[in-house]
C-alpha atoms as a PDB file:
ATOM      1  CA  MET A   1      -0.146   0.190   0.094  1.00  0.00           C
ATOM      2  CA  THR A   2       1.554   3.533  -0.865  1.00  0.00           C
ATOM      3  CA  ILE A   3       1.184   5.936   1.882  1.00  0.00           C
ATOM      4  CA  THR A   4       1.844   9.528   1.727  1.00  0.00           C
ATOM      5  CA  LEU A   5       3.852  11.146   4.549  1.00  0.00           C
ATOM      6  CA  ALA A   6       4.580  14.708   5.582  1.00  0.00           C
ATOM      7  CA  ALA A   7       7.500  15.895   7.762  1.00  0.00           C
ATOM      8  CA  CYS A   8       8.056  19.197   8.999  1.00  0.00           C
ATOM      9  CA  GLN A   9      11.106  21.189   8.652  1.00  0.00           C
ATOM     10  CA  TYR A  10       9.423  23.349  11.714  1.00  0.00           C
ATOM     11  CA  ARG A  11      10.742  26.520  12.092  1.00  0.00           C
ATOM     12  CA  ILE A  12      10.192  28.009  15.926  1.00  0.00           C
ATOM     13  CA  GLU A  13       8.362  30.909  15.717  1.00  0.00           C
ATOM     14  CA  LEU A  14       7.596  33.428  18.860  1.00  0.00           C
ATOM     15  CA  ILE A  15       3.739  32.991  19.277  1.00  0.00           C
ATOM     16  CA  GLU A  16       2.476  34.811  22.310  1.00  0.00           C
ATOM     17  CA  ARG A  17      -1.314  34.135  22.787  1.00  0.00           C
ATOM     18  CA  TRP A  18      -2.737  30.906  22.564  1.00  0.00           C
ATOM     19  CA  ASP A  19      -5.679  31.904  19.837  1.00  0.00           C
ATOM     20  CA  ASP A  20      -2.517  32.467  17.591  1.00  0.00           C
ATOM     21  CA  TYR A  21      -0.793  29.508  18.443  1.00  0.00           C
ATOM     22  CA  GLU A  22      -4.233  27.436  17.902  1.00  0.00           C
ATOM     23  CA  THR A  23      -4.371  28.988  14.069  1.00  0.00           C
ATOM     24  CA  HIS A  24      -0.693  28.619  13.469  1.00  0.00           C
ATOM     25  CA  LEU A  25      -1.135  24.471  14.246  1.00  0.00           C
ATOM     26  CA  SER A  26      -4.490  24.210  12.457  1.00  0.00           C
ATOM     27  CA  LEU A  27      -3.077  26.064   9.125  1.00  0.00           C
ATOM     28  CA  LEU A  28      -0.009  24.123   9.466  1.00  0.00           C
ATOM     29  CA  VAL A  29      -1.699  20.657   9.718  1.00  0.00           C
ATOM     30  CA  GLU A  30      -4.562  21.799   6.961  1.00  0.00           C
ATOM     31  CA  ARG A  31      -1.630  22.931   4.776  1.00  0.00           C
ATOM     32  CA  ALA A  32      -0.119  18.996   4.636  1.00  0.00           C
ATOM     33  CA  ALA A  33      -3.637  17.144   5.213  1.00  0.00           C
ATOM     34  CA  SER A  34      -4.734  19.263   1.763  1.00  0.00           C
ATOM     35  CA  GLN A  35      -1.878  17.646  -0.109  1.00  0.00           C
ATOM     36  CA  GLY A  36      -3.392  13.926   0.836  1.00  0.00           C
ATOM     37  CA  ALA A  37      -0.612  13.170   3.858  1.00  0.00           C
ATOM     38  CA  GLN A  38      -2.043  10.487   5.778  1.00  0.00           C
ATOM     39  CA  LEU A  39       0.854  10.781   8.443  1.00  0.00           C
ATOM     40  CA  LEU A  40       2.150  14.144   9.732  1.00  0.00           C
ATOM     41  CA  LEU A  41       5.301  14.316  11.874  1.00  0.00           C
ATOM     42  CA  LEU A  42       6.486  17.259  13.831  1.00  0.00           C
ATOM     43  CA  PRO A  43       9.993  17.732  15.452  1.00  0.00           C
ATOM     44  CA  GLU A  44      11.250  17.010  18.910  1.00  0.00           C
ATOM     45  CA  TYR A  45      10.374  19.985  21.264  1.00  0.00           C
ATOM     46  CA  ALA A  46       7.768  21.242  18.967  1.00  0.00           C
ATOM     47  CA  GLY A  47       5.597  21.456  22.033  1.00  0.00           C
ATOM     48  CA  LEU A  48       8.115  24.145  23.651  1.00  0.00           C
ATOM     49  CA  VAL A  49       6.844  27.052  21.105  1.00  0.00           C
ATOM     50  CA  LEU A  50       3.919  27.090  24.120  1.00  0.00           C
ATOM     51  CA  SER A  51       6.172  28.961  26.175  1.00  0.00           C
ATOM     52  CA  GLY A  52       5.901  32.046  24.105  1.00  0.00           C
ATOM     53  CA  GLN A  53       2.638  32.455  25.593  1.00  0.00           C
ATOM     54  CA  LEU A  54       4.790  32.912  29.059  1.00  0.00           C
ATOM     55  CA  PRO A  55       6.068  36.523  30.498  1.00  0.00           C
ATOM     56  CA  PRO A  56       9.556  37.259  28.698  1.00  0.00           C
ATOM     57  CA  GLU A  57      11.295  36.836  32.086  1.00  0.00           C
ATOM     58  CA  ILE A  58       9.876  33.396  32.397  1.00  0.00           C
ATOM     59  CA  ARG A  59      10.147  31.766  28.892  1.00  0.00           C
ATOM     60  CA  SER A  60      13.697  33.323  28.953  1.00  0.00           C
ATOM     61  CA  ASP A  61      14.752  31.061  31.952  1.00  0.00           C
ATOM     62  CA  LEU A  62      15.355  27.498  30.721  1.00  0.00           C
ATOM     63  CA  HIS A  63      13.638  26.012  34.200  1.00  0.00           C
ATOM     64  CA  ALA A  64      11.343  28.346  34.630  1.00  0.00           C
ATOM     65  CA  SER A  65       9.810  28.146  30.831  1.00  0.00           C
ATOM     66  CA  ILE A  66       9.370  24.292  31.118  1.00  0.00           C
ATOM     67  CA  ARG A  67       7.555  24.592  34.568  1.00  0.00           C
ATOM     68  CA  GLY A  68       5.443  27.580  33.049  1.00  0.00           C
ATOM     69  CA  ILE A  69       4.175  25.486  30.065  1.00  0.00           C
ATOM     70  CA  GLN A  70       2.701  22.576  32.368  1.00  0.00           C
ATOM     71  CA  PRO A  71      -0.590  24.034  32.379  1.00  0.00           C
ATOM     72  CA  LEU A  72      -1.041  24.358  28.817  1.00  0.00           C
ATOM     73  CA  ILE A  73      -0.355  20.815  27.695  1.00  0.00           C
ATOM     74  CA  LYS A  74      -3.716  19.696  28.412  1.00  0.00           C
ATOM     75  CA  ASP A  75      -4.928  22.022  26.102  1.00  0.00           C
ATOM     76  CA  TRP A  76      -2.076  21.090  23.322  1.00  0.00           C
ATOM     77  CA  MET A  77      -2.683  17.522  23.583  1.00  0.00           C
ATOM     78  CA  ASP A  78      -6.638  18.210  22.832  1.00  0.00           C
ATOM     79  CA  LEU A  79      -6.172  20.632  20.192  1.00  0.00           C
ATOM     80  CA  CYS A  80      -3.630  17.908  18.377  1.00  0.00           C
ATOM     81  CA  GLU A  81      -6.387  14.978  19.096  1.00  0.00           C
ATOM     82  CA  ARG A  82      -8.922  17.154  17.220  1.00  0.00           C
ATOM     83  CA  LEU A  83      -6.776  17.833  14.318  1.00  0.00           C
ATOM     84  CA  ALA A  84      -5.934  14.219  13.901  1.00  0.00           C
ATOM     85  CA  ARG A  85      -9.755  13.376  13.932  1.00  0.00           C
ATOM     86  CA  ARG A  86     -10.953  16.380  11.595  1.00  0.00           C
ATOM     87  CA  HIS A  87      -8.604  15.609   8.819  1.00  0.00           C
ATOM     88  CA  GLY A  88      -8.560  11.704   9.430  1.00  0.00           C
ATOM     89  CA  ILE A  89      -4.717  11.581   9.774  1.00  0.00           C
ATOM     90  CA  THR A  90      -2.051   9.696  12.059  1.00  0.00           C
ATOM     91  CA  PHE A  91      -0.168  13.063  13.620  1.00  0.00           C
ATOM     92  CA  GLN A  92       2.699  12.761  15.822  1.00  0.00           C
ATOM     93  CA  PRO A  93       3.130  16.608  17.123  1.00  0.00           C
ATOM     94  CA  GLY A  94       6.924  16.508  18.134  1.00  0.00           C
ATOM     95  CA  SER A  95       7.648  16.253  21.760  1.00  0.00           C
ATOM     96  CA  MET A  96       7.716  18.539  24.671  1.00  0.00           C
ATOM     97  CA  PRO A  97       8.926  18.150  28.647  1.00  0.00           C
ATOM     98  CA  VAL A  98       6.285  16.555  30.825  1.00  0.00           C
ATOM     99  CA  LEU A  99       6.276  16.723  34.358  1.00  0.00           C
ATOM    100  CA  ASP A 100       5.414  12.881  35.800  1.00  0.00           C
ATOM    101  CA  PRO A 101       3.966  12.041  39.070  1.00  0.00           C
ATOM    102  CA  ASP A 102       7.493  11.170  40.422  1.00  0.00           C
ATOM    103  CA  SER A 103       8.432  14.803  40.144  1.00  0.00           C
ATOM    104  CA  GLN A 104      10.850  13.963  37.105  1.00  0.00           C
ATOM    105  CA  PHE A 105      10.053  15.645  33.631  1.00  0.00           C
ATOM    106  CA  ARG A 106      10.444  13.570  30.547  1.00  0.00           C
ATOM    107  CA  ASN A 107      10.758  14.419  26.779  1.00  0.00           C
ATOM    108  CA  ARG A 108       7.471  12.897  25.642  1.00  0.00           C
ATOM    109  CA  ALA A 109       6.094  12.435  22.241  1.00  0.00           C
ATOM    110  CA  PRO A 110       2.352  11.748  21.933  1.00  0.00           C
ATOM    111  CA  LEU A 111       0.912   9.756  18.747  1.00  0.00           C
ATOM    112  CA  PHE A 112      -2.986  10.586  17.723  1.00  0.00           C
ATOM    113  CA  GLY A 113      -4.926   8.977  14.988  1.00  0.00           C
ATOM    114  CA  PRO A 114      -8.550   9.508  13.103  1.00  0.00           C
ATOM    115  CA  GLN A 115      -9.956   7.906  16.476  1.00  0.00           C
ATOM    116  CA  GLY A 116      -8.067   9.676  18.896  1.00  0.00           C
ATOM    117  CA  PHE A 117      -5.526   9.320  21.253  1.00  0.00           C
ATOM    118  CA  ILE A 118      -3.203   6.180  20.292  1.00  0.00           C
ATOM    119  CA  GLY A 119      -0.135   6.508  23.132  1.00  0.00           C
ATOM    120  CA  HIS A 120       3.270   8.067  23.427  1.00  0.00           C
ATOM    121  CA  GLN A 121       6.802   7.600  23.600  1.00  0.00           C
ATOM    122  CA  ASP A 122       9.380   8.788  26.235  1.00  0.00           C
ATOM    123  CA  LYS A 123      13.066   9.268  24.919  1.00  0.00           C
ATOM    124  CA  GLN A 124      14.810   6.823  26.350  1.00  0.00           C
ATOM    125  CA  ILE A 125      18.869   8.548  26.242  1.00  0.00           C
ATOM    126  CA  MET A 126      19.274  11.962  27.386  1.00  0.00           C
ATOM    127  CA  THR A 127      21.869  14.556  25.573  1.00  0.00           C
ATOM    128  CA  ARG A 128      24.186  16.052  27.486  1.00  0.00           C
ATOM    129  CA  PHE A 129      22.305  19.240  27.211  1.00  0.00           C
ATOM    130  CA  GLU A 130      18.766  17.462  28.628  1.00  0.00           C
ATOM    131  CA  ARG A 131      20.975  15.273  31.440  1.00  0.00           C
ATOM    132  CA  GLU A 132      23.492  18.209  32.801  1.00  0.00           C
ATOM    133  CA  SER A 133      21.709  21.325  32.125  1.00  0.00           C
ATOM    134  CA  TRP A 134      17.775  20.671  31.928  1.00  0.00           C
ATOM    135  CA  HIS A 135      17.690  17.919  34.123  1.00  0.00           C
ATOM    136  CA  ILE A 136      15.259  16.049  31.892  1.00  0.00           C
ATOM    137  CA  SER A 137      15.128  12.055  32.978  1.00  0.00           C
ATOM    138  CA  ALA A 138      14.749   9.343  30.517  1.00  0.00           C
ATOM    139  CA  GLY A 139      11.621   7.372  29.857  1.00  0.00           C
ATOM    140  CA  THR A 140      11.032   4.468  32.176  1.00  0.00           C
ATOM    141  CA  ASP A 141       8.593   2.133  29.942  1.00  0.00           C
ATOM    142  CA  GLY A 142      10.709   1.322  27.139  1.00  0.00           C
ATOM    143  CA  LEU A 143       9.974   1.385  23.304  1.00  0.00           C
ATOM    144  CA  SER A 144       6.355   1.063  22.002  1.00  0.00           C
ATOM    145  CA  ALA A 145       5.118  -0.110  18.917  1.00  0.00           C
ATOM    146  CA  PHE A 146       1.930   1.646  17.658  1.00  0.00           C
ATOM    147  CA  ASP A 147      -0.541   0.319  15.091  1.00  0.00           C
ATOM    148  CA  THR A 148      -1.838   2.751  13.057  1.00  0.00           C
ATOM    149  CA  PRO A 149      -3.823   3.415   9.548  1.00  0.00           C
ATOM    150  CA  VAL A 150      -0.621   3.612   7.640  1.00  0.00           C
ATOM    151  CA  GLY A 151       1.125   0.785   9.480  1.00  0.00           C
ATOM    152  CA  ARG A 152       2.866  -0.245  12.451  1.00  0.00           C
ATOM    153  CA  VAL A 153       5.251   2.705  13.642  1.00  0.00           C
ATOM    154  CA  GLY A 154       7.471   3.360  15.903  1.00  0.00           C
ATOM    155  CA  ILE A 155       9.218   6.908  17.279  1.00  0.00           C
ATOM    156  CA  LEU A 156      12.742   7.237  18.454  1.00  0.00           C
ATOM    157  CA  ILE A 157      13.344  10.652  19.718  1.00  0.00           C
ATOM    158  CA  CYS A 158      16.487  12.318  18.097  1.00  0.00           C
ATOM    159  CA  TYR A 159      19.404  11.114  19.865  1.00  0.00           C
ATOM    160  CA  ASP A 160      17.734   7.794  20.587  1.00  0.00           C
ATOM    161  CA  ASN A 161      18.338   7.314  16.677  1.00  0.00           C
ATOM    162  CA  GLU A 162      22.254   6.840  17.472  1.00  0.00           C
ATOM    163  CA  PHE A 163      21.670   3.821  19.318  1.00  0.00           C
ATOM    164  CA  PRO A 164      21.767   0.631  17.366  1.00  0.00           C
ATOM    165  CA  MET A 165      20.016  -1.799  20.006  1.00  0.00           C
ATOM    166  CA  LEU A 166      16.980   0.801  20.190  1.00  0.00           C
ATOM    167  CA  GLY A 167      16.656   0.600  16.350  1.00  0.00           C
ATOM    168  CA  ARG A 168      16.798  -3.082  16.444  1.00  0.00           C
ATOM    169  CA  LYS A 169      14.176  -3.489  19.396  1.00  0.00           C
ATOM    170  CA  LEU A 170      11.475  -1.612  17.119  1.00  0.00           C
ATOM    171  CA  ALA A 171      12.622  -4.199  14.397  1.00  0.00           C
ATOM    172  CA  ASP A 172      11.583  -7.302  16.823  1.00  0.00           C
ATOM    173  CA  MET A 173       8.618  -5.665  17.566  1.00  0.00           C
ATOM    174  CA  GLY A 174       7.672  -5.536  13.844  1.00  0.00           C
ATOM    175  CA  VAL A 175       7.932  -1.983  12.937  1.00  0.00           C
ATOM    176  CA  GLU A 176       7.909  -0.820   9.423  1.00  0.00           C
ATOM    177  CA  LEU A 177       8.235   2.824   9.849  1.00  0.00           C
ATOM    178  CA  VAL A 178      10.294   4.805  12.574  1.00  0.00           C
ATOM    179  CA  LEU A 179       9.524   8.514  13.147  1.00  0.00           C
ATOM    180  CA  ALA A 180      12.392  10.498  14.136  1.00  0.00           C
ATOM    181  CA  PRO A 181      11.466  13.933  15.433  1.00  0.00           C
ATOM    182  CA  SER A 182      14.640  16.019  15.982  1.00  0.00           C
ATOM    183  CA  CYS A 183      16.033  19.009  17.259  1.00  0.00           C
ATOM    184  CA  THR A 184      19.520  20.073  16.913  1.00  0.00           C
ATOM    185  CA  ASP A 185      21.330  23.323  17.264  1.00  0.00           C
ATOM    186  CA  THR A 186      24.477  22.831  14.921  1.00  0.00           C
ATOM    187  CA  LEU A 187      24.887  20.965  11.705  1.00  0.00           C
ATOM    188  CA  ALA A 188      27.096  18.548  13.449  1.00  0.00           C
ATOM    189  CA  GLY A 189      24.252  17.422  15.684  1.00  0.00           C
ATOM    190  CA  SER A 190      21.867  17.173  12.597  1.00  0.00           C
ATOM    191  CA  TYR A 191      24.342  15.151  10.999  1.00  0.00           C
ATOM    192  CA  ARG A 192      24.790  12.915  13.827  1.00  0.00           C
ATOM    193  CA  VAL A 193      20.920  12.229  13.961  1.00  0.00           C
ATOM    194  CA  ARG A 194      20.828  11.975  10.033  1.00  0.00           C
ATOM    195  CA  ILE A 195      23.746   9.235  10.001  1.00  0.00           C
ATOM    196  CA  GLY A 196      21.986   7.243  13.021  1.00  0.00           C
ATOM    197  CA  ALA A 197      18.810   7.262  11.030  1.00  0.00           C
ATOM    198  CA  GLN A 198      20.401   6.110   8.010  1.00  0.00           C
ATOM    199  CA  ALA A 199      22.502   3.345   9.641  1.00  0.00           C
ATOM    200  CA  ARG A 200      19.017   2.070  11.499  1.00  0.00           C
ATOM    201  CA  ALA A 201      17.557   2.147   8.399  1.00  0.00           C
ATOM    202  CA  LEU A 202      20.254   0.097   6.806  1.00  0.00           C
ATOM    203  CA  GLU A 203      20.480  -2.402   9.567  1.00  0.00           C
ATOM    204  CA  ASN A 204      16.568  -3.356   9.979  1.00  0.00           C
ATOM    205  CA  GLN A 205      15.556  -2.694   6.481  1.00  0.00           C
ATOM    206  CA  TYR A 206      12.890  -0.288   7.282  1.00  0.00           C
ATOM    207  CA  ALA A 207      11.933   3.310   6.900  1.00  0.00           C
ATOM    208  CA  VAL A 208      12.802   6.345   8.975  1.00  0.00           C
ATOM    209  CA  LEU A 209      11.076   9.536   8.611  1.00  0.00           C
ATOM    210  CA  SER A 210      12.637  12.716  10.031  1.00  0.00           C
ATOM    211  CA  SER A 211      11.530  16.061  10.972  1.00  0.00           C
ATOM    212  CA  PRO A 212      13.473  18.768  12.594  1.00  0.00           C
ATOM    213  CA  THR A 213      13.276  22.166  14.047  1.00  0.00           C
ATOM    214  CA  ALA A 214      14.539  25.185  12.092  1.00  0.00           C
ATOM    215  CA  GLY A 215      15.611  28.895  12.470  1.00  0.00           C
ATOM    216  CA  ASP A 216      16.651  30.963  15.263  1.00  0.00           C
ATOM    217  CA  ALA A 217      14.684  31.953  18.346  1.00  0.00           C
ATOM    218  CA  PRO A 218      16.695  34.140  20.522  1.00  0.00           C
ATOM    219  CA  TRP A 219      13.639  34.610  22.997  1.00  0.00           C
ATOM    220  CA  SER A 220      14.021  30.546  23.979  1.00  0.00           C
ATOM    221  CA  PRO A 221      16.983  29.178  25.920  1.00  0.00           C
ATOM    222  CA  ALA A 222      15.870  25.866  24.458  1.00  0.00           C
ATOM    223  CA  LEU A 223      15.405  26.196  21.038  1.00  0.00           C
ATOM    224  CA  ASP A 224      17.446  29.150  20.338  1.00  0.00           C
ATOM    225  CA  GLU A 225      19.565  27.763  17.431  1.00  0.00           C
ATOM    226  CA  ASN A 226      18.296  24.978  15.103  1.00  0.00           C
ATOM    227  CA  LYS A 227      19.468  22.840  11.924  1.00  0.00           C
ATOM    228  CA  GLY A 228      18.594  20.039  10.115  1.00  0.00           C
ATOM    229  CA  ARG A 229      16.234  18.777   7.049  1.00  0.00           C
ATOM    230  CA  ALA A 230      13.129  16.956   6.835  1.00  0.00           C
ATOM    231  CA  ALA A 231      13.847  13.280   5.107  1.00  0.00           C
ATOM    232  CA  LEU A 232      12.842   9.877   4.501  1.00  0.00           C
ATOM    233  CA  TYR A 233      15.480   7.189   4.672  1.00  0.00           C
ATOM    234  CA  VAL A 234      15.720   3.868   3.400  1.00  0.00           C
ATOM    235  CA  PRO A 235      18.054   0.848   2.834  1.00  0.00           C
ATOM    236  CA  SER A 236      20.634   1.250  -0.223  1.00  0.00           C
ATOM    237  CA  ASP A 237      19.105  -1.578  -2.077  1.00  0.00           C
ATOM    238  CA  TYR A 238      17.020  -2.353  -5.217  1.00  0.00           C
ATOM    239  CA  GLY A 239      14.389  -0.110  -6.157  1.00  0.00           C
ATOM    240  CA  MET A 240      15.762   2.510  -3.770  1.00  0.00           C
ATOM    241  CA  PRO A 241      17.704   5.242  -4.380  1.00  0.00           C
ATOM    242  CA  PRO A 242      21.567   4.435  -3.706  1.00  0.00           C
ATOM    243  CA  SER A 243      22.002   7.058  -1.419  1.00  0.00           C
ATOM    244  CA  GLY A 244      19.748   5.590   0.955  1.00  0.00           C
ATOM    245  CA  ILE A 245      17.632   9.343   0.982  1.00  0.00           C
ATOM    246  CA  PHE A 246      14.196   8.475  -0.454  1.00  0.00           C
ATOM    247  CA  ALA A 247      13.687  12.384  -0.024  1.00  0.00           C
ATOM    248  CA  GLU A 248      14.911  15.074   1.637  1.00  0.00           C
ATOM    249  CA  SER A 249      13.965  18.955   2.126  1.00  0.00           C
ATOM    250  CA  ALA A 250      16.261  21.155   0.147  1.00  0.00           C
ATOM    251  CA  SER A 251      17.958  23.713   2.667  1.00  0.00           C
ATOM    252  CA  ASP A 252      18.929  23.643   6.203  1.00  0.00           C
ATOM    253  CA  ASP A 253      17.675  27.172   6.520  1.00  0.00           C
ATOM    254  CA  VAL A 254      14.256  27.716   5.992  1.00  0.00           C
ATOM    255  CA  GLN A 255      12.395  31.092   6.248  1.00  0.00           C
ATOM    256  CA  GLU A 256       8.886  29.766   7.288  1.00  0.00           C
ATOM    257  CA  SER A 257       7.923  25.894   8.312  1.00  0.00           C
ATOM    258  CA  HIS A 258       7.996  23.732   5.302  1.00  0.00           C
ATOM    259  CA  TRP A 259       6.492  20.291   4.635  1.00  0.00           C
ATOM    260  CA  LEU A 260       8.455  17.451   2.937  1.00  0.00           C
ATOM    261  CA  ILE A 261       5.763  15.343   1.488  1.00  0.00           C
ATOM    262  CA  THR A 262       6.427  12.026  -0.327  1.00  0.00           C
ATOM    263  CA  ARG A 263       4.885   8.996  -1.339  1.00  0.00           C
ATOM    264  CA  ILE A 264       6.058   5.222  -0.328  1.00  0.00           C
ATOM    265  CA  ASP A 265       4.806   2.105  -0.423  1.00  0.00           C
ATOM    266  CA  LEU A 266       6.403   0.451   2.666  1.00  0.00           C
ATOM    267  CA  SER A 267       5.924  -3.483   1.211  1.00  0.00           C
ATOM    268  CA  GLU A 268       8.716  -2.345  -0.977  1.00  0.00           C
ATOM    269  CA  VAL A 269      11.013  -1.667   1.726  1.00  0.00           C
ATOM    270  CA  ALA A 270       9.811  -4.699   3.662  1.00  0.00           C
ATOM    271  CA  ARG A 271      10.180  -6.956   0.271  1.00  0.00           C
ATOM    272  CA  LEU A 272      14.014  -6.185   0.430  1.00  0.00           C
ATOM    273  CA  ARG A 273      14.584  -8.449   3.360  1.00  0.00           C
ATOM    274  CA  THR A 274      13.977 -11.720   1.648  1.00  0.00           C
ATOM    275  CA  GLU A 275      14.632 -10.287  -2.149  1.00  0.00           C
ATOM    276  CA  GLY A 276      17.691  -7.214  -1.182  1.00  0.00           C
ATOM    277  CA  GLN A 277      21.207  -7.615  -2.690  1.00  0.00           C
ATOM    278  CA  VAL A 278      21.943  -8.043   1.155  1.00  0.00           C
ATOM    279  CA  ALA A 279      20.030  -9.364   4.343  1.00  0.00           C
ATOM    280  CA  THR A 280      21.180  -7.265   7.120  1.00  0.00           C
ATOM    281  CA  ARG A 281      18.100  -7.784   9.308  1.00  0.00           C
ATOM    282  CA  ARG A 282      18.460 -11.488   9.101  1.00  0.00           C
ATOM    283  CA  ASP A 283      22.162 -11.670   9.666  1.00  0.00           C
ATOM    284  CA  TRP A 284      22.233  -9.199  12.666  1.00  0.00           C
ATOM    285  CA  PRO A 285      22.668 -12.108  15.129  1.00  0.00           C
ATOM    286  CA  GLU A 286      25.738 -13.170  13.341  1.00  0.00           C
ATOM    287  CA  GLN A 287      27.756 -10.286  14.526  1.00  0.00           C
ATOM    288  CA  PHE A 288      27.469 -11.824  18.135  1.00  0.00           C
ATOM    289  CA  ARG A 289      29.109 -15.384  17.604  1.00  0.00           C
END
């Protein structure tokens, strides 16, 4: 089955009122859905745009801004669910730091479908910034596989894409498409995620869809600089691009949020596991002899 995927190169904007943010997100989703997109992906920490609604002295403080957006999360979740239902889409609206009952913040990515909330995935491994400066904790529930109208999907948030065993776990769970929301402030960071995502696609012979933050946001200590390209990665094999880049946005710099929209038949990716030039997924256990 051929499906239409949309990954956003999401420019971080200062949006100071809830009504304006609701309009912003609604129009953004409508733009992709009107082009036939069945699954929409926004980047890691896209939900932190909500901190623009906080007073300047709070949104400019790293820890205060995280705490300040907590009362807005329910409205954000409700809005994302309404958009998924309205457009009949699978929608992963990026992530945001969420305060759990154990008083720990976790980087959480919810997933919605045409019937409403499906579930969420927490980031498994924290970067130095998250761990040492931001005090975000790792998820405790492990990885999940989600059955959606476009197939079985998993989520690896940014840095998680750089760890092979996480990608392999999703393969063992039958995932056909990995969603890779990311937020990196340098080209080096964006390449680390890209190389990791491509490696996971190669090793496990599945597809990886990546959505990055973009642009500069001097008002936010968390999202001040952003680099990266939206992309869909696949194994380099029969019927696929030799580079493994199925589709990619044109530049690391955008003046406004940009959707990369592409169509792919995931069964053609799955076919490579039995008919490809190589059988990396099958041969994976041999490296542990």
